[in-house]
Amino acid sequence: MPTLENAVADVPPVYGQFGQTLAYAERTLTAVLTRHLAQRATEPETWYALRLTAASGPRISRERLINELAGSPNLDPASAHELADRLEAQGLLRGNDAVTLTAKGEALYRSLREFVLGATTRLLGQFDQRDIETTVQTLRAITARAAADSS
């Protein structure tokens, strides 16, 4: 009968490093994004809301937008509602049941996208693109598997 020690001995060491490495990467990249967006007087949550709305184009249900935003570490459902309302008051979003970017919101999104992609390109440009693609595919698959396992 296999013992716990034998089972652990058979686990590749990189498995034990994965979660902590991912957590450190997320924390560091979030801090870098926060500092980078601060140069444009923008909070990451605003960037996430604009990006999510644009990526879902032309419309996203307000409920889905709120739920997606509330899943971030810095927002709960109430603050996600407040963010959506604030962005609407600023003329960046419009819509009740379905939300879309206004012309002003679209212009801000495009400007921020170029700004963020410049920094992303500088960061990732040192790596082979195939390695980046593999990493993205792997993380998507792990996320899907973890979500399915927790259902």
C-alpha atoms as a PDB file:
ATOM      1  CA  MET A   1       0.000   0.000   0.000  1.00  0.00           C
ATOM      2  CA  PRO A   2       1.498   3.395  -0.957  1.00  0.00           C
ATOM      3  CA  THR A   3       2.361   5.706   1.893  1.00  0.00           C
ATOM      4  CA  LEU A   4       1.900   9.463   1.950  1.00  0.00           C
ATOM      5  CA  GLU A   5       5.670   9.888   1.731  1.00  0.00           C
ATOM      6  CA  ASN A   6       5.816   7.747  -1.417  1.00  0.00           C
ATOM      7  CA  ALA A   7       2.901   9.603  -2.973  1.00  0.00           C
ATOM      8  CA  VAL A   8       4.545  12.960  -2.237  1.00  0.00           C
ATOM      9  CA  ALA A   9       7.913  11.710  -3.499  1.00  0.00           C
ATOM     10  CA  ASP A  10       6.320  10.926  -6.872  1.00  0.00           C
ATOM     11  CA  VAL A  11       4.998  14.474  -7.312  1.00  0.00           C
ATOM     12  CA  PRO A  12       7.209  16.618  -9.542  1.00  0.00           C
ATOM     13  CA  PRO A  13       8.758  19.439  -7.454  1.00  0.00           C
ATOM     14  CA  VAL A  14       7.406  22.074  -9.847  1.00  0.00           C
ATOM     15  CA  TYR A  15       3.852  21.174  -8.763  1.00  0.00           C
ATOM     16  CA  GLY A  16       4.680  22.404  -5.281  1.00  0.00           C
ATOM     17  CA  GLN A  17       6.066  25.652  -6.669  1.00  0.00           C
ATOM     18  CA  PHE A  18       3.182  26.368  -9.004  1.00  0.00           C
ATOM     19  CA  GLY A  19       0.583  27.939  -6.711  1.00  0.00           C
ATOM     20  CA  GLN A  20       2.996  30.172  -4.827  1.00  0.00           C
ATOM     21  CA  THR A  21       4.711  31.281  -8.043  1.00  0.00           C
ATOM     22  CA  LEU A  22       1.349  32.094  -9.599  1.00  0.00           C
ATOM     23  CA  ALA A  23       0.280  34.033  -6.486  1.00  0.00           C
ATOM     24  CA  TYR A  24       3.507  36.072  -6.470  1.00  0.00           C
ATOM     25  CA  ALA A  25       3.193  36.761 -10.188  1.00  0.00           C
ATOM     26  CA  GLU A  26      -0.414  37.917  -9.788  1.00  0.00           C
ATOM     27  CA  ARG A  27       0.464  40.156  -6.850  1.00  0.00           C
ATOM     28  CA  THR A  28       3.461  41.683  -8.616  1.00  0.00           C
ATOM     29  CA  LEU A  29       1.718  42.197 -11.951  1.00  0.00           C
ATOM     30  CA  THR A  30      -1.300  43.762 -10.228  1.00  0.00           C
ATOM     31  CA  ALA A  31       1.000  46.207  -8.431  1.00  0.00           C
ATOM     32  CA  VAL A  32       2.784  47.027 -11.697  1.00  0.00           C
ATOM     33  CA  LEU A  33      -0.548  47.559 -13.486  1.00  0.00           C
ATOM     34  CA  THR A  34      -1.808  49.754 -10.643  1.00  0.00           C
ATOM     35  CA  ARG A  35       1.309  51.968 -10.808  1.00  0.00           C
ATOM     36  CA  HIS A  36       1.184  52.056 -14.604  1.00  0.00           C
ATOM     37  CA  LEU A  37      -2.500  53.052 -14.729  1.00  0.00           C
ATOM     38  CA  ALA A  38      -1.919  55.673 -12.025  1.00  0.00           C
ATOM     39  CA  GLN A  39       0.150  57.538 -14.621  1.00  0.00           C
ATOM     40  CA  ARG A  40      -3.153  57.952 -16.478  1.00  0.00           C
ATOM     41  CA  ALA A  41      -5.173  58.665 -13.303  1.00  0.00           C
ATOM     42  CA  THR A  42      -7.043  55.388 -13.749  1.00  0.00           C
ATOM     43  CA  GLU A  43      -7.790  52.669 -11.225  1.00  0.00           C
ATOM     44  CA  PRO A  44      -7.420  49.036 -12.295  1.00  0.00           C
ATOM     45  CA  GLU A  45     -11.119  48.440 -11.607  1.00  0.00           C
ATOM     46  CA  THR A  46     -12.034  51.101 -14.179  1.00  0.00           C
ATOM     47  CA  TRP A  47      -9.702  49.470 -16.692  1.00  0.00           C
ATOM     48  CA  TYR A  48     -11.242  46.040 -15.971  1.00  0.00           C
ATOM     49  CA  ALA A  49     -14.787  47.377 -16.407  1.00  0.00           C
ATOM     50  CA  LEU A  50     -13.965  49.086 -19.708  1.00  0.00           C
ATOM     51  CA  ARG A  51     -12.036  46.072 -20.973  1.00  0.00           C
ATOM     52  CA  LEU A  52     -14.758  43.603 -20.017  1.00  0.00           C
ATOM     53  CA  THR A  53     -17.432  45.749 -21.640  1.00  0.00           C
ATOM     54  CA  ALA A  54     -15.404  46.218 -24.834  1.00  0.00           C
ATOM     55  CA  ALA A  55     -14.486  42.519 -25.033  1.00  0.00           C
ATOM     56  CA  SER A  56     -18.141  41.524 -24.679  1.00  0.00           C
ATOM     57  CA  GLY A  57     -19.197  44.003 -27.350  1.00  0.00           C
ATOM     58  CA  PRO A  58     -21.314  45.458 -28.421  1.00  0.00           C
ATOM     59  CA  ARG A  59     -23.237  44.910 -25.174  1.00  0.00           C
ATOM     60  CA  ILE A  60     -22.860  43.049 -21.895  1.00  0.00           C
ATOM     61  CA  SER A  61     -25.678  42.493 -19.448  1.00  0.00           C
ATOM     62  CA  ARG A  62     -25.352  44.749 -16.436  1.00  0.00           C
ATOM     63  CA  GLU A  63     -25.770  41.688 -14.218  1.00  0.00           C
ATOM     64  CA  ARG A  64     -22.843  39.884 -15.884  1.00  0.00           C
ATOM     65  CA  LEU A  65     -20.673  43.015 -15.699  1.00  0.00           C
ATOM     66  CA  ILE A  66     -21.404  43.395 -11.980  1.00  0.00           C
ATOM     67  CA  ASN A  67     -20.803  39.672 -11.314  1.00  0.00           C
ATOM     68  CA  GLU A  68     -17.502  39.660 -13.206  1.00  0.00           C
ATOM     69  CA  LEU A  69     -16.294  42.811 -11.449  1.00  0.00           C
ATOM     70  CA  ALA A  70     -17.413  41.520  -8.052  1.00  0.00           C
ATOM     71  CA  GLY A  71     -15.187  38.500  -8.595  1.00  0.00           C
ATOM     72  CA  SER A  72     -12.070  40.663  -8.427  1.00  0.00           C
ATOM     73  CA  PRO A  73     -10.149  40.953  -5.157  1.00  0.00           C
ATOM     74  CA  ASN A  74     -10.934  44.648  -4.664  1.00  0.00           C
ATOM     75  CA  LEU A  75     -14.662  44.667  -5.422  1.00  0.00           C
ATOM     76  CA  ASP A  76     -17.748  43.126  -3.897  1.00  0.00           C
ATOM     77  CA  PRO A  77     -21.224  43.306  -5.467  1.00  0.00           C
ATOM     78  CA  ALA A  78     -22.043  46.671  -3.844  1.00  0.00           C
ATOM     79  CA  SER A  79     -18.791  48.338  -4.922  1.00  0.00           C
ATOM     80  CA  ALA A  80     -19.113  46.800  -8.401  1.00  0.00           C
ATOM     81  CA  HIS A  81     -22.561  48.426  -8.698  1.00  0.00           C
ATOM     82  CA  GLU A  82     -21.071  51.722  -7.511  1.00  0.00           C
ATOM     83  CA  LEU A  83     -18.286  51.464 -10.081  1.00  0.00           C
ATOM     84  CA  ALA A  84     -20.722  50.814 -12.932  1.00  0.00           C
ATOM     85  CA  ASP A  85     -22.898  53.714 -11.776  1.00  0.00           C
ATOM     86  CA  ARG A  86     -19.855  55.996 -11.513  1.00  0.00           C
ATOM     87  CA  LEU A  87     -18.648  55.072 -14.998  1.00  0.00           C
ATOM     88  CA  GLU A  88     -22.133  55.745 -16.312  1.00  0.00           C
ATOM     89  CA  ALA A  89     -22.216  59.128 -14.544  1.00  0.00           C
ATOM     90  CA  GLN A  90     -18.831  59.942 -16.096  1.00  0.00           C
ATOM     91  CA  GLY A  91     -20.297  59.235 -19.526  1.00  0.00           C
ATOM     92  CA  LEU A  92     -18.180  56.128 -20.172  1.00  0.00           C
ATOM     93  CA  LEU A  93     -20.940  53.492 -20.031  1.00  0.00           C
ATOM     94  CA  ARG A  94     -24.637  53.543 -20.856  1.00  0.00           C
ATOM     95  CA  GLY A  95     -27.520  51.136 -20.588  1.00  0.00           C
ATOM     96  CA  ASN A  96     -29.766  49.576 -18.005  1.00  0.00           C
ATOM     97  CA  ASP A  97     -30.166  45.848 -18.649  1.00  0.00           C
ATOM     98  CA  ALA A  98     -27.410  45.797 -21.271  1.00  0.00           C
ATOM     99  CA  VAL A  99     -24.356  48.013 -20.970  1.00  0.00           C
ATOM    100  CA  THR A 100     -22.192  49.373 -23.751  1.00  0.00           C
ATOM    101  CA  LEU A 101     -19.330  51.827 -23.993  1.00  0.00           C
ATOM    102  CA  THR A 102     -20.195  55.356 -25.021  1.00  0.00           C
ATOM    103  CA  ALA A 103     -18.042  57.093 -27.628  1.00  0.00           C
ATOM    104  CA  LYS A 104     -16.138  58.678 -24.744  1.00  0.00           C
ATOM    105  CA  GLY A 105     -15.768  55.273 -23.061  1.00  0.00           C
ATOM    106  CA  GLU A 106     -14.597  53.670 -26.303  1.00  0.00           C
ATOM    107  CA  ALA A 107     -11.986  56.393 -26.799  1.00  0.00           C
ATOM    108  CA  LEU A 108     -10.723  56.005 -23.234  1.00  0.00           C
ATOM    109  CA  TYR A 109     -10.654  52.218 -23.581  1.00  0.00           C
ATOM    110  CA  ARG A 110      -8.624  52.382 -26.821  1.00  0.00           C
ATOM    111  CA  SER A 111      -6.196  54.868 -25.273  1.00  0.00           C
ATOM    112  CA  LEU A 112      -5.727  52.766 -22.136  1.00  0.00           C
ATOM    113  CA  ARG A 113      -5.440  49.577 -24.192  1.00  0.00           C
ATOM    114  CA  GLU A 114      -2.537  51.021 -26.185  1.00  0.00           C
ATOM    115  CA  PHE A 115      -0.949  52.287 -22.966  1.00  0.00           C
ATOM    116  CA  VAL A 116      -1.244  48.916 -21.204  1.00  0.00           C
ATOM    117  CA  LEU A 117      -0.209  46.906 -24.275  1.00  0.00           C
ATOM    118  CA  GLY A 118       2.971  48.962 -24.541  1.00  0.00           C
ATOM    119  CA  ALA A 119       3.988  47.936 -21.038  1.00  0.00           C
ATOM    120  CA  THR A 120       2.872  44.351 -21.650  1.00  0.00           C
ATOM    121  CA  THR A 121       4.957  44.181 -24.825  1.00  0.00           C
ATOM    122  CA  ARG A 122       8.017  45.459 -22.985  1.00  0.00           C
ATOM    123  CA  LEU A 123       7.523  42.846 -20.265  1.00  0.00           C
ATOM    124  CA  LEU A 124       6.712  39.827 -22.439  1.00  0.00           C
ATOM    125  CA  GLY A 125       8.842  40.708 -25.454  1.00  0.00           C
ATOM    126  CA  GLN A 126      11.881  39.053 -23.890  1.00  0.00           C
ATOM    127  CA  PHE A 127      10.243  35.614 -24.104  1.00  0.00           C
ATOM    128  CA  ASP A 128       9.530  33.303 -27.015  1.00  0.00           C
ATOM    129  CA  GLN A 129       5.951  33.913 -28.157  1.00  0.00           C
ATOM    130  CA  ARG A 130       5.260  30.157 -28.221  1.00  0.00           C
ATOM    131  CA  ASP A 131       6.146  29.965 -24.524  1.00  0.00           C
ATOM    132  CA  ILE A 132       3.701  32.777 -23.760  1.00  0.00           C
ATOM    133  CA  GLU A 133       0.986  31.045 -25.825  1.00  0.00           C
ATOM    134  CA  THR A 134       1.599  27.758 -23.987  1.00  0.00           C
ATOM    135  CA  THR A 135       1.443  29.530 -20.627  1.00  0.00           C
ATOM    136  CA  VAL A 136      -1.872  31.196 -21.520  1.00  0.00           C
ATOM    137  CA  GLN A 137      -3.349  27.903 -22.760  1.00  0.00           C
ATOM    138  CA  THR A 138      -2.160  26.083 -19.651  1.00  0.00           C
ATOM    139  CA  LEU A 139      -3.575  28.698 -17.275  1.00  0.00           C
ATOM    140  CA  ARG A 140      -6.925  28.693 -19.103  1.00  0.00           C
ATOM    141  CA  ALA A 141      -7.085  24.894 -18.891  1.00  0.00           C
ATOM    142  CA  ILE A 142      -6.165  24.882 -15.195  1.00  0.00           C
ATOM    143  CA  THR A 143      -8.780  27.553 -14.496  1.00  0.00           C
ATOM    144  CA  ALA A 144     -11.474  25.610 -16.367  1.00  0.00           C
ATOM    145  CA  ARG A 145     -10.560  22.377 -14.606  1.00  0.00           C
ATOM    146  CA  ALA A 146     -10.528  24.015 -11.166  1.00  0.00           C
ATOM    147  CA  ALA A 147     -13.893  25.661 -11.842  1.00  0.00           C
ATOM    148  CA  ALA A 148     -15.391  22.357 -12.996  1.00  0.00           C
ATOM    149  CA  ASP A 149     -13.967  20.516  -9.971  1.00  0.00           C
ATOM    150  CA  SER A 150     -15.450  23.075  -7.580  1.00  0.00           C
ATOM    151  CA  SER A 151     -18.949  22.846  -9.105  1.00  0.00           C
END
